[in-house]
N, C-alpha and C. Protein backbone atom coordinates (compact mmCIF):
# COMPACT_ATOMS: atom_id res chain seq x y z
N MET A 1 -20.17 100.96 -8.56
CA MET A 1 -20.87 99.56 -9.37
C MET A 1 -19.46 98.97 -8.29
N SER A 2 -20.04 97.98 -7.80
CA SER A 2 -18.79 96.98 -7.29
C SER A 2 -18.11 95.89 -8.13
N ALA A 3 -16.96 95.52 -8.07
CA ALA A 3 -15.99 94.96 -8.48
C ALA A 3 -16.84 94.05 -9.29
N ALA A 4 -17.23 93.15 -7.99
CA ALA A 4 -18.65 92.08 -8.59
C ALA A 4 -19.85 91.77 -9.55
N ALA A 5 -20.40 93.40 -9.96
CA ALA A 5 -21.14 93.90 -10.87
C ALA A 5 -20.01 94.17 -11.97
N ARG A 6 -19.45 94.84 -11.89
CA ARG A 6 -18.26 94.93 -13.15
C ARG A 6 -18.20 93.61 -13.41
N ARG A 7 -17.55 92.66 -12.70
CA ARG A 7 -17.41 91.30 -13.47
C ARG A 7 -18.79 90.52 -14.57
N ARG A 8 -19.87 90.59 -13.53
CA ARG A 8 -20.92 89.96 -14.16
C ARG A 8 -20.88 90.29 -15.50
N ARG A 9 -21.25 91.90 -15.36
CA ARG A 9 -21.53 92.39 -16.81
C ARG A 9 -20.22 92.15 -18.22
N CYS A 10 -19.54 92.10 -17.85
CA CYS A 10 -18.31 91.95 -18.37
C CYS A 10 -18.36 90.19 -18.70
N LEU A 11 -18.96 89.63 -18.12
CA LEU A 11 -19.26 87.95 -18.05
C LEU A 11 -20.35 87.58 -19.23
N ALA A 12 -21.50 88.62 -18.56
CA ALA A 12 -22.56 88.80 -19.86
C ALA A 12 -22.18 89.30 -21.28
N VAL A 13 -21.22 90.11 -21.52
CA VAL A 13 -21.28 90.42 -22.65
C VAL A 13 -20.16 89.27 -23.07
N GLN A 14 -19.02 88.72 -22.91
CA GLN A 14 -18.55 87.71 -23.08
C GLN A 14 -19.52 86.42 -23.51
N ALA A 15 -20.30 86.30 -23.00
CA ALA A 15 -21.17 85.20 -23.15
C ALA A 15 -21.89 85.38 -24.16
N ALA A 16 -22.83 87.07 -24.47
CA ALA A 16 -23.57 86.94 -25.69
C ALA A 16 -22.77 87.07 -27.11
N LEU A 17 -21.21 87.19 -26.84
CA LEU A 17 -20.49 87.11 -27.99
C LEU A 17 -20.49 85.88 -28.18
N ALA A 18 -20.05 84.96 -27.11
CA ALA A 18 -19.69 83.08 -27.74
C ALA A 18 -21.12 83.04 -28.07
N CYS A 19 -22.59 82.82 -28.07
CA CYS A 19 -23.84 82.53 -28.15
C CYS A 19 -23.59 83.50 -29.83
N GLY A 20 -23.18 85.07 -29.92
CA GLY A 20 -23.38 85.16 -30.96
C GLY A 20 -22.03 84.62 -32.66
N LEU A 21 -21.04 84.27 -31.70
CA LEU A 21 -19.82 83.23 -32.73
C LEU A 21 -20.37 82.07 -32.98
N LEU A 22 -21.21 81.29 -32.34
CA LEU A 22 -21.59 80.08 -32.12
C LEU A 22 -23.11 79.94 -32.88
N GLY A 23 -23.59 80.81 -33.16
CA GLY A 23 -24.53 80.90 -33.78
C GLY A 23 -26.05 80.64 -33.37
N VAL A 24 -25.89 80.43 -31.98
CA VAL A 24 -26.97 80.02 -30.76
C VAL A 24 -28.29 81.16 -30.75
N LEU A 25 -27.91 82.96 -30.86
CA LEU A 25 -28.25 83.43 -31.19
C LEU A 25 -27.97 84.74 -32.73
N PRO A 26 -29.26 84.69 -33.28
CA PRO A 26 -29.53 84.87 -34.39
C PRO A 26 -29.06 86.84 -34.68
N PHE A 27 -27.36 87.17 -34.14
CA PHE A 27 -27.41 88.60 -34.30
C PHE A 27 -26.27 88.65 -35.20
N LYS A 28 -25.84 89.73 -36.59
CA LYS A 28 -25.68 90.65 -37.58
C LYS A 28 -24.32 90.11 -37.32
N PRO A 29 -23.92 89.49 -38.13
CA PRO A 29 -22.01 89.98 -38.20
C PRO A 29 -21.20 91.34 -37.69
N ARG A 30 -22.07 92.13 -38.21
CA ARG A 30 -21.40 93.36 -37.33
C ARG A 30 -21.36 93.55 -35.99
N PHE A 31 -22.76 93.01 -35.36
CA PHE A 31 -23.42 93.60 -33.99
C PHE A 31 -22.52 92.47 -33.07
N VAL A 32 -21.97 90.80 -33.67
CA VAL A 32 -21.11 90.30 -33.58
C VAL A 32 -19.35 90.48 -32.58
N GLY A 33 -19.54 91.82 -34.12
CA GLY A 33 -18.17 92.33 -33.80
C GLY A 33 -18.01 93.74 -32.78
N PHE A 34 -19.33 94.30 -32.96
CA PHE A 34 -19.34 95.69 -31.43
C PHE A 34 -19.28 94.12 -30.43
N LEU A 35 -19.72 93.95 -30.37
CA LEU A 35 -19.73 92.69 -28.68
C LEU A 35 -18.09 92.15 -28.73
N GLY A 36 -17.44 92.28 -29.56
CA GLY A 36 -16.03 91.58 -29.20
C GLY A 36 -15.34 93.32 -29.00
N VAL A 37 -15.71 93.98 -29.46
CA VAL A 37 -15.00 95.56 -29.37
C VAL A 37 -15.56 95.57 -27.69
N VAL A 38 -16.72 95.52 -27.54
CA VAL A 38 -16.89 96.12 -25.86
C VAL A 38 -16.37 95.21 -24.87
N ALA A 39 -16.39 93.89 -25.74
CA ALA A 39 -15.82 92.86 -24.26
C ALA A 39 -14.24 93.19 -24.33
N SER A 40 -13.52 93.44 -25.30
CA SER A 40 -12.56 93.79 -25.44
C SER A 40 -12.04 94.89 -24.72
N ALA A 41 -12.24 95.62 -24.47
CA ALA A 41 -12.38 97.14 -23.76
C ALA A 41 -12.50 96.74 -22.36
N LEU A 42 -13.27 96.06 -21.76
CA LEU A 42 -13.96 95.98 -21.05
C LEU A 42 -13.08 94.99 -20.27
N ASN A 43 -12.37 93.89 -20.79
CA ASN A 43 -11.30 92.90 -20.25
C ASN A 43 -9.74 94.19 -20.27
N CYS A 44 -9.57 95.17 -21.23
CA CYS A 44 -8.60 96.36 -20.70
C CYS A 44 -9.14 96.76 -19.23
N TYR A 45 -9.94 97.19 -19.32
CA TYR A 45 -10.43 98.19 -17.94
C TYR A 45 -10.55 97.36 -16.89
N MET A 46 -10.53 96.02 -16.76
CA MET A 46 -10.26 95.42 -15.26
C MET A 46 -9.05 95.12 -15.26
N LEU A 47 -7.91 95.37 -16.44
CA LEU A 47 -6.82 95.18 -15.68
C LEU A 47 -5.99 96.51 -14.80
N PHE A 48 -6.57 97.66 -15.00
CA PHE A 48 -6.49 98.45 -14.44
C PHE A 48 -5.85 98.44 -12.97
N PRO A 49 -5.12 98.89 -12.05
CA PRO A 49 -5.23 98.96 -11.32
C PRO A 49 -6.27 99.93 -10.46
N ALA A 50 -6.76 99.74 -8.88
CA ALA A 50 -7.47 100.74 -8.48
C ALA A 50 -7.24 101.87 -8.32
N LEU A 51 -8.19 102.54 -8.09
CA LEU A 51 -7.74 103.84 -7.72
C LEU A 51 -7.53 103.60 -6.20
N PRO A 52 -6.55 104.78 -5.96
CA PRO A 52 -6.39 105.04 -4.98
C PRO A 52 -6.94 105.91 -4.10
N LYS A 53 -7.73 105.45 -2.50
CA LYS A 53 -8.64 106.28 -1.82
C LYS A 53 -7.80 107.56 -1.44
N PRO A 54 -9.21 108.17 -1.16
CA PRO A 54 -8.57 109.88 -0.89
C PRO A 54 -8.40 109.96 0.69
N ALA A 55 -7.05 110.04 0.67
CA ALA A 55 -6.75 110.55 2.11
C ALA A 55 -7.90 111.06 3.16
N ALA A 56 -8.31 110.59 4.20
CA ALA A 56 -8.81 111.62 4.78
C ALA A 56 -8.02 112.76 5.57
N ALA A 57 -9.16 113.80 6.02
CA ALA A 57 -8.29 115.36 6.68
C ALA A 57 -8.71 114.53 7.91
N LYS A 58 -7.53 115.06 8.61
CA LYS A 58 -7.44 114.27 9.92
C LYS A 58 -7.93 115.71 10.96
N ALA A 59 -9.19 115.22 11.28
CA ALA A 59 -9.84 116.18 12.10
C ALA A 59 -9.30 116.23 13.87
N ALA A 60 -9.36 117.57 14.22
CA ALA A 60 -9.21 117.22 15.51
C ALA A 60 -10.06 116.94 16.36
N PRO A 61 -9.38 116.34 17.45
CA PRO A 61 -10.54 115.36 18.09
C PRO A 61 -11.67 116.71 19.12
N ALA A 62 -12.71 115.51 19.11
CA ALA A 62 -13.45 117.32 19.60
C ALA A 62 -13.36 116.97 21.62
N THR A 63 -13.31 118.47 21.93
CA THR A 63 -12.90 118.07 23.28
C THR A 63 -14.76 118.58 23.90
N CYS A 64 -14.39 118.33 24.80
CA CYS A 64 -15.56 118.67 25.74
C CYS A 64 -15.00 120.07 26.79
N PRO A 65 -15.10 121.10 26.59
CA PRO A 65 -14.91 122.25 27.49
C PRO A 65 -15.04 121.78 29.24
N ALA A 66 -15.68 121.01 29.52
CA ALA A 66 -15.67 120.89 30.76
C ALA A 66 -14.70 119.91 31.07
N ALA A 67 -14.33 118.87 29.74
CA ALA A 67 -13.27 118.13 29.83
C ALA A 67 -11.32 119.07 30.40
N GLU A 68 -11.92 120.01 29.84
CA GLU A 68 -10.59 120.95 29.45
C GLU A 68 -10.64 121.90 30.73
N ALA A 69 -11.12 121.97 31.65
CA ALA A 69 -10.75 122.76 33.09
C ALA A 69 -10.52 122.02 33.56
N PRO A 70 -9.82 120.89 34.02
CA PRO A 70 -9.10 120.41 34.65
C PRO A 70 -7.78 121.21 34.51
N LYS A 71 -7.67 120.22 33.41
CA LYS A 71 -6.36 120.26 32.65
C LYS A 71 -5.65 122.19 32.59
N LEU A 72 -6.78 122.75 32.33
CA LEU A 72 -6.23 123.93 32.67
C LEU A 72 -6.12 124.61 34.19
N ALA A 73 -7.07 124.30 34.78
CA ALA A 73 -6.94 124.56 36.80
C ALA A 73 -5.27 124.04 36.76
N ALA A 74 -4.91 122.78 36.59
CA ALA A 74 -4.06 122.18 36.80
C ALA A 74 -2.63 123.27 36.54
N LYS A 75 -2.91 124.11 35.22
CA LYS A 75 -1.64 125.02 34.26
C LYS A 75 -1.75 125.89 35.17
N THR A 76 -2.45 126.24 35.96
CA THR A 76 -2.30 128.06 36.50
C THR A 76 -1.73 127.75 38.06
N ALA A 77 -2.17 126.57 38.39
CA ALA A 77 -2.41 126.46 39.78
C ALA A 77 -0.39 126.15 40.64
């Protein structure tokens, strides 16, 4: 999931929480509290730094045997 999608999801939870607190949506107090806990956990998660990208294994460059032939001929001569 991309960072933009995570931000949108976090904003959606915060918007639902705000609507519940204002009484726009008929949520029970326990559900409004649950939304508050979820919104708080998501905000803490968004503060974590990004994971480091895995180091790519350095592969040997693919060589063509025909390209190696002149080098070998030069070494033996």
